[in-house]
Amino acid sequence: MHSIFWTGRVLSRALRNGLSNLSNSAEISLSKKKHPYLVSVVCGFPKDIANGRSHKGQFGDDAWFSTNFNNADVIGVADGVGGWRAYGIDPGEFSSYLMKTCERLVRMGHFKLSEPGDLLAKSYYELLEHKKPILGSSTACVMILDRNESIMRAANIGDSGYMVVRGNRIVHRSHEQQHYFNTPYQLSLPPPGHDRNVLSDRPESADTAEFKVECGDVILVATDGVFDNVPETVLVAEMRRAQGMSNDAPKLQAVANSIAWMARNLSFDGCYMSPFAKSARQNGIDAIGGKPDDITVLLAIVAL
């Protein structure tokens, strides 16, 4: 898999200084493939740019990974539930451990091509057995491309998710899993004595999907900071710009940067009728404006 990583902090500085400076901060890993494969790029921002984490694998309480093994490309995102901070718990630890463990299991070949949900479950159960408890909770989305069969398989729990655009339309999209408004399904490890007061869903509850992909398909995997703030029509328009860019990673990166920057700007727009505000109103809550949040955009294109 070809991959490039950008931090929000690098991007924010570069945008002030001119986009031409961006290419100097890329981490590029290139290798020739004989089968369909993913070219992927990442961009994101912590909600609090001044104090939030912004390094490879993490933007604030969001986490992500992108790796491969033999005939598989695997990508994923997770979103640590920020409410734990009020209890003195770092929400980013849980999501980061979950994604780092997924990445390690893939690199070791300890996963099944046909079961992204099993990969997520193995990572979660390993977290539960950690000697030092990693408390918190997180949503997550993992996708596995079987290069030999040109089949993508996905497992999604909560309100992170994915979207696949082919031509000018969405051909596949994940569905939010919510207990009730703004309370997504989540994998959890609560502090001792709090089990009854904390939502904790089993990884087997993840919504799974399997579908064929074609050369040129554009895939967005993102946390809710993107989907809550950027309308679907705008996301599709941005993703269409990425079509045909499998051999031009810098341009693909520019599209990911655009989506992430747009999501961040809209999240702090108090007068904007965001997708989140519309959903709130559908649930009887008089709301307007974006939803400030960590932003993670993992954009990929299927190449041959």
Protein backbone atom coordinates (compact mmCIF):
# COMPACT_ATOMS: atom_id res chain seq x y z
CA MET A 1 0.00 0.00 0.00
CA HIS A 2 1.26 3.46 -0.81
CA SER A 3 0.70 5.78 2.12
CA ILE A 4 1.33 9.36 3.16
CA PHE A 5 0.75 10.87 6.60
CA TRP A 6 0.13 14.48 7.51
CA THR A 7 -0.39 16.00 10.92
CA GLY A 8 -2.89 18.78 11.42
CA ARG A 9 -0.21 20.88 13.08
CA VAL A 10 2.06 20.59 10.04
CA LEU A 11 -0.85 21.36 7.76
CA SER A 12 -2.02 24.38 9.72
CA ARG A 13 1.47 25.89 9.56
CA ALA A 14 1.78 25.03 5.87
CA LEU A 15 -1.56 26.55 5.00
CA ARG A 16 -0.42 29.80 6.54
CA ASN A 17 2.85 29.65 4.62
CA GLY A 18 1.50 28.31 1.33
CA LEU A 19 0.47 24.83 0.24
CA SER A 20 3.64 24.41 -1.80
CA ASN A 21 5.50 23.65 1.44
CA LEU A 22 3.43 20.56 2.25
CA SER A 23 5.38 17.96 0.29
CA ASN A 24 8.44 18.32 2.52
CA SER A 25 6.63 16.76 5.52
CA ALA A 26 5.27 13.63 3.84
CA GLU A 27 6.22 10.12 4.88
CA ILE A 28 6.01 8.06 1.71
CA SER A 29 6.26 4.29 1.42
CA LEU A 30 6.20 2.95 -2.11
CA SER A 31 6.32 -0.59 -3.42
CA LYS A 32 5.24 -2.22 -6.66
CA LYS A 33 2.15 -4.41 -6.59
CA LYS A 34 0.73 -6.82 -9.14
CA HIS A 35 -2.78 -6.82 -7.70
CA PRO A 36 -5.27 -4.05 -6.92
CA TYR A 37 -4.04 -2.12 -3.91
CA LEU A 38 -4.78 1.02 -1.94
CA VAL A 39 -3.00 4.33 -2.25
CA SER A 40 -3.87 6.09 1.01
CA VAL A 41 -3.25 9.47 2.58
CA VAL A 42 -4.17 10.88 5.97
CA CYS A 43 -4.87 14.32 7.37
CA GLY A 44 -6.38 15.45 10.63
CA PHE A 45 -6.57 17.91 13.49
CA PRO A 46 -7.07 17.65 17.24
CA LYS A 47 -10.01 19.75 18.44
CA ASP A 48 -7.56 21.72 20.56
CA ILE A 49 -4.70 22.34 18.14
CA ALA A 50 -2.59 24.15 20.73
CA ASN A 51 -2.59 21.31 23.28
CA GLY A 52 -3.93 18.21 21.52
CA ARG A 53 -1.87 15.30 20.18
CA SER A 54 -0.98 15.53 16.52
CA HIS A 55 1.46 12.84 15.44
CA LYS A 56 1.53 9.67 13.39
CA GLY A 57 -1.39 7.48 14.35
CA GLN A 58 -3.28 10.05 16.39
CA PHE A 59 -5.12 13.37 16.17
CA GLY A 60 -6.35 14.37 19.62
CA ASP A 61 -8.46 11.45 20.88
CA ASP A 62 -8.81 10.01 17.36
CA ALA A 63 -6.48 7.25 16.19
CA TRP A 64 -5.79 5.61 12.83
CA PHE A 65 -3.61 3.08 11.06
CA SER A 66 -2.77 2.02 7.52
CA THR A 67 -0.76 -1.12 6.80
CA ASN A 68 -0.55 -4.25 4.66
CA PHE A 69 0.37 -7.92 4.77
CA ASN A 70 0.87 -10.18 1.75
CA ASN A 71 -2.31 -9.81 -0.31
CA ALA A 72 -4.18 -7.48 2.01
CA ASP A 73 -4.32 -3.73 2.63
CA VAL A 74 -5.87 -2.75 5.95
CA ILE A 75 -6.98 0.69 7.17
CA GLY A 76 -8.86 1.86 10.23
CA VAL A 77 -9.89 4.75 12.46
CA ALA A 78 -11.09 4.99 16.06
CA ASP A 79 -12.53 7.82 18.13
CA GLY A 80 -11.94 7.88 21.89
CA VAL A 81 -15.00 9.04 23.85
CA GLY A 82 -14.06 12.44 25.27
CA GLY A 83 -16.38 12.25 28.27
CA TRP A 84 -13.81 10.15 30.13
CA ARG A 85 -11.62 13.22 30.58
CA ALA A 86 -13.97 14.41 33.34
CA TYR A 87 -12.96 11.30 35.31
CA GLY A 88 -9.24 11.89 34.90
CA ILE A 89 -8.95 9.29 32.11
CA ASP A 90 -7.15 10.05 28.83
CA PRO A 91 -9.69 9.18 26.09
CA GLY A 92 -6.97 8.93 23.45
CA GLU A 93 -5.17 6.03 25.15
CA PHE A 94 -7.98 3.57 24.48
CA SER A 95 -8.45 4.45 20.81
CA SER A 96 -4.70 4.57 20.17
CA TYR A 97 -4.08 1.16 21.75
CA LEU A 98 -6.97 -0.31 19.77
CA MET A 99 -5.59 0.87 16.42
CA LYS A 100 -1.93 0.15 17.21
CA THR A 101 -2.87 -3.40 18.17
CA CYS A 102 -4.86 -3.85 14.96
CA GLU A 103 -1.83 -2.66 12.98
CA ARG A 104 0.53 -4.99 14.82
CA LEU A 105 -1.77 -8.00 14.39
CA VAL A 106 -1.97 -7.35 10.65
CA ARG A 107 1.79 -6.99 10.27
CA MET A 108 2.23 -10.30 12.11
CA GLY A 109 -0.37 -11.97 9.89
CA HIS A 110 -2.64 -12.69 12.86
CA PHE A 111 -5.90 -11.81 11.15
CA LYS A 112 -8.42 -13.22 8.70
CA LEU A 113 -8.91 -11.60 5.31
CA SER A 114 -12.62 -12.29 5.50
CA GLU A 115 -13.24 -11.00 9.02
CA PRO A 116 -12.38 -7.38 9.87
CA GLY A 117 -14.69 -7.72 12.86
CA ASP A 118 -12.47 -10.49 14.19
CA LEU A 119 -9.42 -8.21 13.89
CA LEU A 120 -11.26 -5.55 15.89
CA ALA A 121 -12.33 -8.12 18.47
CA LYS A 122 -8.78 -9.50 18.90
CA SER A 123 -7.47 -5.99 19.45
CA TYR A 124 -10.19 -5.21 21.99
CA TYR A 125 -9.80 -8.43 23.96
CA GLU A 126 -6.04 -7.94 24.05
CA LEU A 127 -6.67 -4.48 25.49
CA LEU A 128 -8.88 -6.00 28.20
CA GLU A 129 -6.06 -8.34 29.22
CA HIS A 130 -3.41 -5.62 29.42
CA LYS A 131 -1.51 -5.70 32.73
CA LYS A 132 -2.12 -1.99 33.28
CA PRO A 133 -5.82 -1.31 32.63
CA ILE A 134 -6.39 0.98 29.64
CA LEU A 135 -9.66 2.60 30.67
CA GLY A 136 -12.06 4.40 28.37
CA SER A 137 -14.13 3.67 25.30
CA SER A 138 -14.04 4.19 21.56
CA THR A 139 -15.88 3.82 18.29
CA ALA A 140 -13.97 2.13 15.48
CA CYS A 141 -14.02 1.28 11.78
CA VAL A 142 -11.69 -1.24 10.11
CA MET A 143 -11.52 -2.14 6.40
CA ILE A 144 -9.60 -4.97 4.70
CA LEU A 145 -8.94 -5.09 0.96
CA ASP A 146 -8.41 -8.62 -0.38
CA ARG A 147 -6.25 -7.80 -3.39
CA ASN A 148 -6.61 -11.23 -5.00
CA GLU A 149 -10.41 -11.03 -5.04
CA SER A 150 -10.81 -7.24 -5.29
CA ILE A 151 -13.13 -7.46 -2.30
CA MET A 152 -13.34 -4.93 0.51
CA ARG A 153 -14.65 -6.05 3.88
CA ALA A 154 -15.55 -3.63 6.66
CA ALA A 155 -16.50 -3.68 10.32
CA ASN A 156 -17.85 -0.54 11.94
CA ILE A 157 -18.99 0.06 15.49
CA GLY A 158 -20.47 3.42 16.43
CA ASP A 159 -20.42 6.63 14.42
CA SER A 160 -17.01 6.57 12.77
CA GLY A 161 -17.42 5.08 9.30
CA TYR A 162 -16.63 4.89 5.61
CA MET A 163 -17.92 6.03 2.23
CA VAL A 164 -17.05 4.66 -1.23
CA VAL A 165 -17.53 6.83 -4.32
CA ARG A 166 -17.47 5.45 -7.86
CA GLY A 167 -18.01 7.85 -10.73
CA ASN A 168 -20.36 10.51 -9.39
CA ARG A 169 -22.21 8.53 -6.74
CA ILE A 170 -21.89 6.74 -3.43
CA VAL A 171 -21.87 2.98 -3.97
CA HIS A 172 -21.27 1.92 -0.37
CA ARG A 173 -21.57 3.66 2.98
CA SER A 174 -21.51 2.58 6.60
CA HIS A 175 -24.49 3.14 8.87
CA GLU A 176 -24.25 4.86 12.24
CA GLN A 177 -24.91 2.68 15.26
CA GLN A 178 -26.51 4.76 18.01
CA HIS A 179 -28.12 3.82 21.31
CA TYR A 180 -29.79 7.23 21.17
CA PHE A 181 -28.88 10.66 19.81
CA ASN A 182 -25.16 11.44 20.12
CA THR A 183 -24.54 8.21 22.02
CA PRO A 184 -22.89 5.75 19.64
CA TYR A 185 -22.10 2.09 20.13
CA GLN A 186 -18.66 1.83 21.65
CA LEU A 187 -16.08 -0.62 22.90
CA SER A 188 -15.36 0.10 26.57
CA LEU A 189 -13.32 -0.71 29.64
CA PRO A 190 -14.83 1.24 32.56
CA PRO A 191 -13.15 1.76 35.94
CA PRO A 192 -13.93 -0.88 38.57
CA GLY A 193 -17.41 -0.45 39.99
CA HIS A 194 -18.71 1.56 37.03
CA ASP A 195 -19.72 -1.33 34.77
CA ARG A 196 -23.46 -0.77 35.20
CA ASN A 197 -23.22 2.96 34.48
CA VAL A 198 -21.19 2.75 31.27
CA LEU A 199 -22.28 1.72 27.78
CA SER A 200 -20.16 -1.18 26.62
CA ASP A 201 -20.89 -2.95 23.35
CA ARG A 202 -19.29 -6.17 22.24
CA PRO A 203 -17.09 -6.06 19.12
CA GLU A 204 -19.41 -8.71 17.66
CA SER A 205 -22.04 -5.94 17.53
CA ALA A 206 -20.10 -4.23 14.74
CA ASP A 207 -21.96 -3.67 11.49
CA THR A 208 -20.13 -5.65 8.79
CA ALA A 209 -20.16 -5.41 5.01
CA GLU A 210 -18.50 -7.04 2.00
CA PHE A 211 -18.39 -5.64 -1.52
CA LYS A 212 -16.40 -5.64 -4.75
CA VAL A 213 -14.21 -2.66 -5.48
CA GLU A 214 -13.03 -1.37 -8.84
CA CYS A 215 -9.94 0.49 -9.96
CA GLY A 216 -10.55 4.19 -9.34
CA ASP A 217 -12.93 3.77 -6.41
CA VAL A 218 -12.32 6.47 -3.82
CA ILE A 219 -12.72 5.44 -0.17
CA LEU A 220 -13.10 7.78 2.78
CA VAL A 221 -12.67 6.37 6.30
CA ALA A 222 -13.25 9.02 8.94
CA THR A 223 -14.32 9.80 12.47
CA ASP A 224 -17.58 11.57 13.28
CA GLY A 225 -15.82 14.93 13.35
CA VAL A 226 -15.97 14.73 9.56
CA PHE A 227 -19.44 13.28 9.03
CA ASP A 228 -21.03 15.55 11.68
CA ASN A 229 -19.73 18.70 10.01
CA VAL A 230 -19.43 18.15 6.25
CA PRO A 231 -22.60 17.46 4.21
CA GLU A 232 -22.63 14.25 2.21
CA THR A 233 -22.96 16.11 -1.09
CA VAL A 234 -19.82 18.11 -0.33
CA LEU A 235 -17.89 14.97 0.63
CA VAL A 236 -18.90 13.33 -2.66
CA ALA A 237 -17.79 16.39 -4.63
CA GLU A 238 -14.41 16.39 -2.87
CA MET A 239 -13.94 12.65 -3.35
CA ARG A 240 -14.73 12.94 -7.06
CA ARG A 241 -11.76 15.32 -7.32
CA ALA A 242 -9.56 12.42 -6.17
CA GLN A 243 -10.56 10.11 -9.01
CA GLY A 244 -7.65 9.21 -11.25
CA MET A 245 -5.06 10.31 -8.69
CA SER A 246 -3.66 6.88 -7.82
CA ASN A 247 -0.36 7.86 -9.47
CA ASP A 248 -0.33 11.36 -8.00
CA ALA A 249 -0.17 11.02 -4.22
CA PRO A 250 0.48 14.74 -3.57
CA LYS A 251 -2.76 15.68 -5.33
CA LEU A 252 -4.62 12.95 -3.45
CA GLN A 253 -3.13 14.39 -0.27
CA ALA A 254 -4.41 17.82 -1.23
CA VAL A 255 -7.97 16.44 -1.39
CA ALA A 256 -7.61 14.85 2.07
CA ASN A 257 -6.23 18.15 3.37
CA SER A 258 -9.20 20.00 1.88
CA ILE A 259 -11.75 17.69 3.52
CA ALA A 260 -10.04 17.84 6.92
CA TRP A 261 -9.59 21.61 6.81
CA MET A 262 -13.21 22.07 5.73
CA ALA A 263 -14.46 19.84 8.56
CA ARG A 264 -12.44 21.76 11.10
CA ASN A 265 -13.59 25.18 9.91
CA LEU A 266 -17.25 24.14 9.79
CA SER A 267 -17.04 22.53 13.23
CA PHE A 268 -16.40 25.97 14.77
CA ASP A 269 -19.01 27.81 12.68
CA GLY A 270 -21.77 28.71 15.12
CA CYS A 271 -24.23 29.84 12.44
CA TYR A 272 -23.99 26.81 10.17
CA MET A 273 -26.74 24.20 9.89
CA SER A 274 -24.42 21.21 10.10
CA PRO A 275 -25.41 17.55 9.64
CA PHE A 276 -25.05 17.25 13.44
CA ALA A 277 -27.41 20.18 14.05
CA LYS A 278 -29.95 18.75 11.61
CA SER A 279 -29.82 15.40 13.41
CA ALA A 280 -30.24 17.15 16.75
CA ARG A 281 -33.35 18.92 15.50
CA GLN A 282 -34.77 15.64 14.26
CA ASN A 283 -34.39 14.46 17.85
CA GLY A 284 -36.19 17.45 19.33
CA ILE A 285 -33.10 19.48 20.21
CA ASP A 286 -32.99 23.09 18.99
CA ALA A 287 -29.42 23.27 17.73
CA ILE A 288 -27.41 25.18 15.16
CA GLY A 289 -23.74 25.30 14.26
CA GLY A 290 -21.00 22.79 13.75
CA LYS A 291 -19.74 20.29 16.31
CA PRO A 292 -16.17 21.00 17.49
CA ASP A 293 -14.32 17.70 17.50
CA ASP A 294 -11.12 15.93 16.57
CA ILE A 295 -10.89 15.37 12.81
CA THR A 296 -9.43 12.32 11.06
CA VAL A 297 -9.58 11.83 7.29
CA LEU A 298 -8.12 8.65 5.82
CA LEU A 299 -8.59 8.86 2.05
CA ALA A 300 -7.73 5.96 -0.24
CA ILE A 301 -8.06 5.09 -3.90
CA VAL A 302 -8.08 1.62 -5.44
CA ALA A 303 -5.22 1.31 -7.93
CA LEU A 304 -3.93 -1.38 -10.28
